[in-house]
Amino acid sequence: MRVIVQRSKESNVLVNNKGVGKIDKGLVLLVGFHIEDTKKEVEFIVNKVLNLRIFDDKDGIMNLSIKDINGSILSISQFTLYGDTNKGNRPSYQNAMKGYKAIELYDYFNQLLKEQVNLEQGIFGAEMEVNISNDGPVTIILDSSK
């Protein structure tokens, strides 16, 4: 499982020019699943996301988590995170989990997050316009295989 974490001042997602999710201060998560991922990887990444200390404390040191600041998360499914460009110039997605399986893990991922923070999300498999106001910028790559 691979997740790009971006600290955000405000972000939103549109599908067919209609808003489907919007957050103020928090995290935007671009979420992709590997063909071998299970609930174990999801649980590992959820724990990392919820406890990642990338928000400034009163002294300006990145020492606070999304839970500490009572922030929100915008979760966006993105199978292209497993695009492989080692051969040729067109990415191969053979390591990305098929949609019918990935949607189950994506729903589980969002369910676990929603139990602890305010969560907004895009629509799985949809063509989306994601607007991110990256704060910092702070961008972290989480990968359950490493």
C-alpha atoms as a PDB file:
ATOM      1  CA  MET A   1       0.000   0.000   0.000  1.00  0.00           C
ATOM      2  CA  ARG A   2       1.291   3.404  -0.923  1.00  0.00           C
ATOM      3  CA  VAL A   3      -0.016   6.741   0.325  1.00  0.00           C
ATOM      4  CA  ILE A   4       1.172  10.226  -0.559  1.00  0.00           C
ATOM      5  CA  VAL A   5       0.456  12.462   2.449  1.00  0.00           C
ATOM      6  CA  GLN A   6       0.230  16.195   1.871  1.00  0.00           C
ATOM      7  CA  ARG A   7      -0.269  18.730   4.637  1.00  0.00           C
ATOM      8  CA  SER A   8      -2.968  21.099   3.456  1.00  0.00           C
ATOM      9  CA  LYS A   9      -4.479  24.455   4.391  1.00  0.00           C
ATOM     10  CA  GLU A  10      -7.615  23.629   2.406  1.00  0.00           C
ATOM     11  CA  SER A  11      -8.463  21.166  -0.337  1.00  0.00           C
ATOM     12  CA  ASN A  12     -11.402  19.870  -2.296  1.00  0.00           C
ATOM     13  CA  VAL A  13     -12.346  17.292  -4.882  1.00  0.00           C
ATOM     14  CA  LEU A  14     -14.782  17.637  -7.771  1.00  0.00           C
ATOM     15  CA  VAL A  15     -16.426  14.965  -9.905  1.00  0.00           C
ATOM     16  CA  ASN A  16     -18.232  16.193 -13.026  1.00  0.00           C
ATOM     17  CA  ASN A  17     -17.698  19.774 -11.779  1.00  0.00           C
ATOM     18  CA  LYS A  18     -19.584  19.033  -8.544  1.00  0.00           C
ATOM     19  CA  GLY A  19     -17.957  19.172  -5.129  1.00  0.00           C
ATOM     20  CA  VAL A  20     -17.889  15.793  -3.408  1.00  0.00           C
ATOM     21  CA  GLY A  21     -15.410  16.499  -0.615  1.00  0.00           C
ATOM     22  CA  LYS A  22     -13.808  19.507   1.045  1.00  0.00           C
ATOM     23  CA  ILE A  23     -11.542  20.080   4.046  1.00  0.00           C
ATOM     24  CA  ASP A  24      -9.885  22.978   5.780  1.00  0.00           C
ATOM     25  CA  LYS A  25      -6.633  22.382   7.697  1.00  0.00           C
ATOM     26  CA  GLY A  26      -5.575  18.766   7.535  1.00  0.00           C
ATOM     27  CA  LEU A  27      -4.165  16.090   5.261  1.00  0.00           C
ATOM     28  CA  VAL A  28      -4.784  15.052   1.684  1.00  0.00           C
ATOM     29  CA  LEU A  29      -4.108  11.357   1.107  1.00  0.00           C
ATOM     30  CA  LEU A  30      -3.518   9.916  -2.366  1.00  0.00           C
ATOM     31  CA  VAL A  31      -4.080   6.194  -1.828  1.00  0.00           C
ATOM     32  CA  GLY A  32      -2.945   3.253  -3.949  1.00  0.00           C
ATOM     33  CA  PHE A  33      -3.027  -0.499  -3.387  1.00  0.00           C
ATOM     34  CA  HIS A  34      -0.513  -3.144  -4.462  1.00  0.00           C
ATOM     35  CA  ILE A  35      -1.798  -6.469  -5.787  1.00  0.00           C
ATOM     36  CA  GLU A  36      -0.635  -8.248  -2.606  1.00  0.00           C
ATOM     37  CA  ASP A  37      -2.063  -5.807  -0.048  1.00  0.00           C
ATOM     38  CA  THR A  38      -4.356  -7.001   2.743  1.00  0.00           C
ATOM     39  CA  LYS A  39      -6.126  -5.440   5.723  1.00  0.00           C
ATOM     40  CA  LYS A  40      -2.820  -5.760   7.598  1.00  0.00           C
ATOM     41  CA  GLU A  41      -1.177  -3.172   5.330  1.00  0.00           C
ATOM     42  CA  VAL A  42      -4.223  -0.911   5.615  1.00  0.00           C
ATOM     43  CA  GLU A  43      -4.092  -1.005   9.417  1.00  0.00           C
ATOM     44  CA  PHE A  44      -0.355  -0.248   9.393  1.00  0.00           C
ATOM     45  CA  ILE A  45      -0.802   2.797   7.137  1.00  0.00           C
ATOM     46  CA  VAL A  46      -3.842   4.088   9.051  1.00  0.00           C
ATOM     47  CA  ASN A  47      -1.787   4.030  12.256  1.00  0.00           C
ATOM     48  CA  LYS A  48       1.026   5.930  10.526  1.00  0.00           C
ATOM     49  CA  VAL A  49      -1.315   8.556   9.057  1.00  0.00           C
ATOM     50  CA  LEU A  50      -3.107   9.200  12.342  1.00  0.00           C
ATOM     51  CA  ASN A  51       0.112   9.518  14.340  1.00  0.00           C
ATOM     52  CA  LEU A  52       2.404  11.213  11.807  1.00  0.00           C
ATOM     53  CA  ARG A  53       3.676  14.369  13.515  1.00  0.00           C
ATOM     54  CA  ILE A  54       3.860  16.918  10.701  1.00  0.00           C
ATOM     55  CA  PHE A  55       1.908  19.850  12.148  1.00  0.00           C
ATOM     56  CA  ASP A  56       3.646  22.666  14.024  1.00  0.00           C
ATOM     57  CA  ASP A  57       3.381  22.994  17.770  1.00  0.00           C
ATOM     58  CA  LYS A  58       3.386  26.388  19.531  1.00  0.00           C
ATOM     59  CA  ASP A  59       7.175  26.578  19.062  1.00  0.00           C
ATOM     60  CA  GLY A  60       6.975  26.012  15.305  1.00  0.00           C
ATOM     61  CA  ILE A  61       8.295  22.450  15.480  1.00  0.00           C
ATOM     62  CA  MET A  62       6.556  19.678  13.549  1.00  0.00           C
ATOM     63  CA  ASN A  63       5.431  17.764  16.599  1.00  0.00           C
ATOM     64  CA  LEU A  64       1.641  17.377  16.295  1.00  0.00           C
ATOM     65  CA  SER A  65      -0.502  14.772  14.553  1.00  0.00           C
ATOM     66  CA  ILE A  66      -3.773  15.178  12.669  1.00  0.00           C
ATOM     67  CA  LYS A  67      -5.569  14.033  15.827  1.00  0.00           C
ATOM     68  CA  ASP A  68      -3.707  16.573  17.976  1.00  0.00           C
ATOM     69  CA  ILE A  69      -4.877  19.494  15.832  1.00  0.00           C
ATOM     70  CA  ASN A  70      -8.399  18.120  15.334  1.00  0.00           C
ATOM     71  CA  GLY A  71      -7.802  18.337  11.586  1.00  0.00           C
ATOM     72  CA  SER A  72      -9.587  16.699   8.676  1.00  0.00           C
ATOM     73  CA  ILE A  73      -8.520  14.234   6.003  1.00  0.00           C
ATOM     74  CA  LEU A  74      -9.383  14.215   2.306  1.00  0.00           C
ATOM     75  CA  SER A  75      -8.877  10.682   0.958  1.00  0.00           C
ATOM     76  CA  ILE A  76      -8.429  10.174  -2.795  1.00  0.00           C
ATOM     77  CA  SER A  77      -8.018   6.766  -4.463  1.00  0.00           C
ATOM     78  CA  GLN A  78      -5.181   6.731  -7.003  1.00  0.00           C
ATOM     79  CA  PHE A  79      -4.129   3.479  -8.665  1.00  0.00           C
ATOM     80  CA  THR A  80      -1.450   5.342 -10.656  1.00  0.00           C
ATOM     81  CA  LEU A  81       0.781   5.319  -7.565  1.00  0.00           C
ATOM     82  CA  TYR A  82       1.791   1.845  -8.717  1.00  0.00           C
ATOM     83  CA  GLY A  83       2.677   2.924 -12.242  1.00  0.00           C
ATOM     84  CA  ASP A  84       5.922   1.249 -13.330  1.00  0.00           C
ATOM     85  CA  THR A  85       8.019   3.095 -15.929  1.00  0.00           C
ATOM     86  CA  ASN A  86      11.074   0.823 -15.925  1.00  0.00           C
ATOM     87  CA  LYS A  87      10.280  -0.421 -19.439  1.00  0.00           C
ATOM     88  CA  GLY A  88       9.337   2.173 -22.024  1.00  0.00           C
ATOM     89  CA  ASN A  89       7.546   5.452 -21.477  1.00  0.00           C
ATOM     90  CA  ARG A  90       3.998   4.283 -20.882  1.00  0.00           C
ATOM     91  CA  PRO A  91       3.422   3.280 -17.260  1.00  0.00           C
ATOM     92  CA  SER A  92       2.433  -0.298 -16.575  1.00  0.00           C
ATOM     93  CA  TYR A  93      -0.070  -0.827 -13.785  1.00  0.00           C
ATOM     94  CA  GLN A  94       0.370  -4.585 -13.385  1.00  0.00           C
ATOM     95  CA  ASN A  95       1.303  -4.112  -9.709  1.00  0.00           C
ATOM     96  CA  ALA A  96      -1.790  -2.024  -8.940  1.00  0.00           C
ATOM     97  CA  MET A  97      -4.653  -3.930  -7.358  1.00  0.00           C
ATOM     98  CA  LYS A  98      -7.698  -4.419  -9.587  1.00  0.00           C
ATOM     99  CA  GLY A  99     -10.543  -2.043  -8.824  1.00  0.00           C
ATOM    100  CA  TYR A 100     -13.051  -4.630  -7.615  1.00  0.00           C
ATOM    101  CA  LYS A 101     -10.578  -5.706  -4.899  1.00  0.00           C
ATOM    102  CA  ALA A 102      -9.073  -2.292  -4.181  1.00  0.00           C
ATOM    103  CA  ILE A 103     -12.446  -0.714  -3.437  1.00  0.00           C
ATOM    104  CA  GLU A 104     -12.897  -3.096  -0.495  1.00  0.00           C
ATOM    105  CA  LEU A 105      -9.555  -2.101   1.022  1.00  0.00           C
ATOM    106  CA  TYR A 106     -10.171   1.574   0.247  1.00  0.00           C
ATOM    107  CA  ASP A 107     -13.525   1.441   2.037  1.00  0.00           C
ATOM    108  CA  TYR A 108     -11.886  -0.310   5.000  1.00  0.00           C
ATOM    109  CA  PHE A 109      -9.105   2.311   5.056  1.00  0.00           C
ATOM    110  CA  ASN A 110     -11.622   5.164   5.094  1.00  0.00           C
ATOM    111  CA  GLN A 111     -13.770   3.441   7.725  1.00  0.00           C
ATOM    112  CA  LEU A 112     -10.787   3.158  10.090  1.00  0.00           C
ATOM    113  CA  LEU A 113      -9.848   6.805   9.569  1.00  0.00           C
ATOM    114  CA  LYS A 114     -13.448   7.976  10.017  1.00  0.00           C
ATOM    115  CA  GLU A 115     -13.534   6.365  13.462  1.00  0.00           C
ATOM    116  CA  GLN A 116     -10.928   8.868  14.679  1.00  0.00           C
ATOM    117  CA  VAL A 117     -10.997  11.999  12.485  1.00  0.00           C
ATOM    118  CA  ASN A 118     -13.281  13.978  10.212  1.00  0.00           C
ATOM    119  CA  LEU A 119     -12.984  12.367   6.771  1.00  0.00           C
ATOM    120  CA  GLU A 120     -14.003  13.516   3.318  1.00  0.00           C
ATOM    121  CA  GLN A 121     -13.294  11.478   0.213  1.00  0.00           C
ATOM    122  CA  GLY A 122     -13.413  11.366  -3.530  1.00  0.00           C
ATOM    123  CA  ILE A 123     -15.335   8.765  -5.511  1.00  0.00           C
ATOM    124  CA  PHE A 124     -13.460   5.528  -6.108  1.00  0.00           C
ATOM    125  CA  GLY A 125     -12.672   5.000  -9.783  1.00  0.00           C
ATOM    126  CA  ALA A 126     -14.043   8.367 -10.888  1.00  0.00           C
ATOM    127  CA  GLU A 127     -12.210  10.965 -12.941  1.00  0.00           C
ATOM    128  CA  MET A 128     -11.605  13.647 -10.310  1.00  0.00           C
ATOM    129  CA  GLU A 129     -10.312  17.190 -10.107  1.00  0.00           C
ATOM    130  CA  VAL A 130      -8.368  17.501  -6.862  1.00  0.00           C
ATOM    131  CA  ASN A 131      -7.417  20.974  -5.639  1.00  0.00           C
ATOM    132  CA  ILE A 132      -4.760  20.942  -2.936  1.00  0.00           C
ATOM    133  CA  SER A 133      -3.411  23.958  -1.105  1.00  0.00           C
ATOM    134  CA  ASN A 134      -0.202  22.290   0.066  1.00  0.00           C
ATOM    135  CA  ASP A 135       0.994  23.785   3.351  1.00  0.00           C
ATOM    136  CA  GLY A 136       4.770  24.045   3.702  1.00  0.00           C
ATOM    137  CA  PRO A 137       4.952  22.247   1.381  1.00  0.00           C
ATOM    138  CA  VAL A 138       5.036  19.080   3.439  1.00  0.00           C
ATOM    139  CA  THR A 139       4.719  15.853   1.452  1.00  0.00           C
ATOM    140  CA  ILE A 140       5.464  12.404   2.888  1.00  0.00           C
ATOM    141  CA  ILE A 141       5.434   9.054   1.081  1.00  0.00           C
ATOM    142  CA  LEU A 142       4.201   6.101   3.136  1.00  0.00           C
ATOM    143  CA  ASP A 143       4.800   2.619   1.735  1.00  0.00           C
ATOM    144  CA  SER A 144       3.804  -0.500   3.661  1.00  0.00           C
ATOM    145  CA  SER A 145       6.452  -2.569   1.867  1.00  0.00           C
ATOM    146  CA  LYS A 146       9.355  -0.567   3.328  1.00  0.00           C
END
